[in-house]
C-alpha atoms as a PDB file:
ATOM      1  CA  MET A   1     -19.181 -25.148  19.107  1.00  0.00           C
ATOM      2  CA  LYS A   2     -16.016 -27.109  18.342  1.00  0.00           C
ATOM      3  CA  THR A   3     -12.724 -26.464  20.031  1.00  0.00           C
ATOM      4  CA  ILE A   4      -9.518 -26.360  18.006  1.00  0.00           C
ATOM      5  CA  LYS A   5      -8.619 -29.882  19.088  1.00  0.00           C
ATOM      6  CA  ASP A   6     -11.911 -31.125  17.577  1.00  0.00           C
ATOM      7  CA  LEU A   7     -11.322 -29.574  14.139  1.00  0.00           C
ATOM      8  CA  THR A   8     -10.266 -31.587  11.139  1.00  0.00           C
ATOM      9  CA  ILE A   9      -7.129 -30.496   9.317  1.00  0.00           C
ATOM     10  CA  ASP A  10      -9.239 -28.924   6.554  1.00  0.00           C
ATOM     11  CA  GLU A  11     -11.413 -27.074   9.085  1.00  0.00           C
ATOM     12  CA  PHE A  12      -8.303 -25.833  10.890  1.00  0.00           C
ATOM     13  CA  LYS A  13      -6.760 -24.638   7.613  1.00  0.00           C
ATOM     14  CA  LEU A  14     -10.003 -22.836   6.759  1.00  0.00           C
ATOM     15  CA  LEU A  15     -10.030 -21.181  10.182  1.00  0.00           C
ATOM     16  CA  ILE A  16      -6.467 -19.954   9.684  1.00  0.00           C
ATOM     17  CA  ARG A  17      -7.246 -18.755   6.154  1.00  0.00           C
ATOM     18  CA  GLU A  18     -10.324 -16.826   7.311  1.00  0.00           C
ATOM     19  CA  THR A  19      -8.436 -15.299  10.237  1.00  0.00           C
ATOM     20  CA  LEU A  20      -5.588 -14.180   7.964  1.00  0.00           C
ATOM     21  CA  ALA A  21      -8.060 -12.670   5.499  1.00  0.00           C
ATOM     22  CA  GLU A  22      -9.693 -10.670   8.301  1.00  0.00           C
ATOM     23  CA  VAL A  23      -6.362  -9.413   9.649  1.00  0.00           C
ATOM     24  CA  LEU A  24      -5.065  -8.474   6.189  1.00  0.00           C
ATOM     25  CA  GLN A  25      -8.271  -6.617   5.425  1.00  0.00           C
ATOM     26  CA  GLU A  26      -7.898  -4.628   8.658  1.00  0.00           C
ATOM     27  CA  ILE A  27      -4.251  -3.831   7.904  1.00  0.00           C
ATOM     28  CA  LEU A  28      -4.758  -2.899   4.256  1.00  0.00           C
ATOM     29  CA  ILE A  29      -7.697  -0.539   4.724  1.00  0.00           C
ATOM     30  CA  ASP A  30      -6.856   2.772   3.064  1.00  0.00           C
ATOM     31  CA  SER A  31      -7.256   5.460   5.719  1.00  0.00           C
ATOM     32  CA  ASP A  32      -7.206   8.109   2.969  1.00  0.00           C
ATOM     33  CA  GLU A  33     -10.075   6.553   1.032  1.00  0.00           C
ATOM     34  CA  GLY A  34     -12.666   9.138   0.109  1.00  0.00           C
ATOM     35  CA  LYS A  35     -10.353  12.062   0.778  1.00  0.00           C
ATOM     36  CA  SER A  36      -9.240  14.326  -2.033  1.00  0.00           C
ATOM     37  CA  LEU A  37      -6.019  16.168  -2.772  1.00  0.00           C
ATOM     38  CA  LYS A  38      -5.795  19.924  -2.596  1.00  0.00           C
ATOM     39  CA  PRO A  39      -6.005  21.315  -6.148  1.00  0.00           C
ATOM     40  CA  GLU A  40      -2.566  22.946  -5.841  1.00  0.00           C
ATOM     41  CA  PHE A  41      -0.935  19.686  -4.781  1.00  0.00           C
ATOM     42  CA  LYS A  42      -2.695  17.730  -7.524  1.00  0.00           C
ATOM     43  CA  GLU A  43      -1.524  20.309 -10.087  1.00  0.00           C
ATOM     44  CA  GLU A  44       2.082  20.038  -8.866  1.00  0.00           C
ATOM     45  CA  LEU A  45       1.963  16.226  -9.125  1.00  0.00           C
ATOM     46  CA  THR A  46       0.599  16.524 -12.666  1.00  0.00           C
ATOM     47  CA  LYS A  47       3.448  18.876 -13.626  1.00  0.00           C
ATOM     48  CA  ILE A  48       6.030  16.461 -12.190  1.00  0.00           C
ATOM     49  CA  ARG A  49       4.497  13.571 -14.131  1.00  0.00           C
ATOM     50  CA  GLU A  50       4.517  15.598 -17.354  1.00  0.00           C
ATOM     51  CA  ARG A  51       8.179  16.629 -16.889  1.00  0.00           C
ATOM     52  CA  ARG A  52       9.184  13.007 -16.307  1.00  0.00           C
ATOM     53  CA  ALA A  53       7.179  11.812 -19.315  1.00  0.00           C
ATOM     54  CA  SER A  54       8.867  14.402 -21.538  1.00  0.00           C
ATOM     55  CA  GLY A  55      12.310  13.396 -20.285  1.00  0.00           C
ATOM     56  CA  GLU A  56      12.891  16.821 -18.755  1.00  0.00           C
ATOM     57  CA  THR A  57      13.535  15.208 -15.364  1.00  0.00           C
ATOM     58  CA  THR A  58      14.310  11.676 -14.239  1.00  0.00           C
ATOM     59  CA  PRO A  59      13.715   9.901 -10.939  1.00  0.00           C
ATOM     60  CA  LEU A  60      16.647   9.944  -8.520  1.00  0.00           C
ATOM     61  CA  SER A  61      18.316   6.744  -7.425  1.00  0.00           C
ATOM     62  CA  SER A  62      18.591   6.043  -3.709  1.00  0.00           C
ATOM     63  CA  GLU A  63      22.316   6.802  -3.958  1.00  0.00           C
ATOM     64  CA  GLU A  64      21.585  10.241  -5.443  1.00  0.00           C
ATOM     65  CA  VAL A  65      19.072  11.004  -2.696  1.00  0.00           C
ATOM     66  CA  ILE A  66      21.584  10.015  -0.007  1.00  0.00           C
ATOM     67  CA  ALA A  67      24.286  12.129  -1.661  1.00  0.00           C
ATOM     68  CA  ARG A  68      21.996  15.172  -1.791  1.00  0.00           C
ATOM     69  CA  LEU A  69      20.504  14.824   1.674  1.00  0.00           C
ATOM     70  CA  GLY A  70      23.536  13.425   3.450  1.00  0.00           C
END
């Protein structure tokens, strides 16, 4: 087994790349994967999407949210 000081530049870069890939994979795992939404919540989200698509409602800007919530 080589130590870091014995690695070539390319081997060291590969080691860093592989380590980053492992860490990112751990961080980006979706903890909600495989879970489903309650039917009522899914229905409400669908209604919101339909109202936005029809122009009945529009998304709020961050300024509007701050103004409403204080």
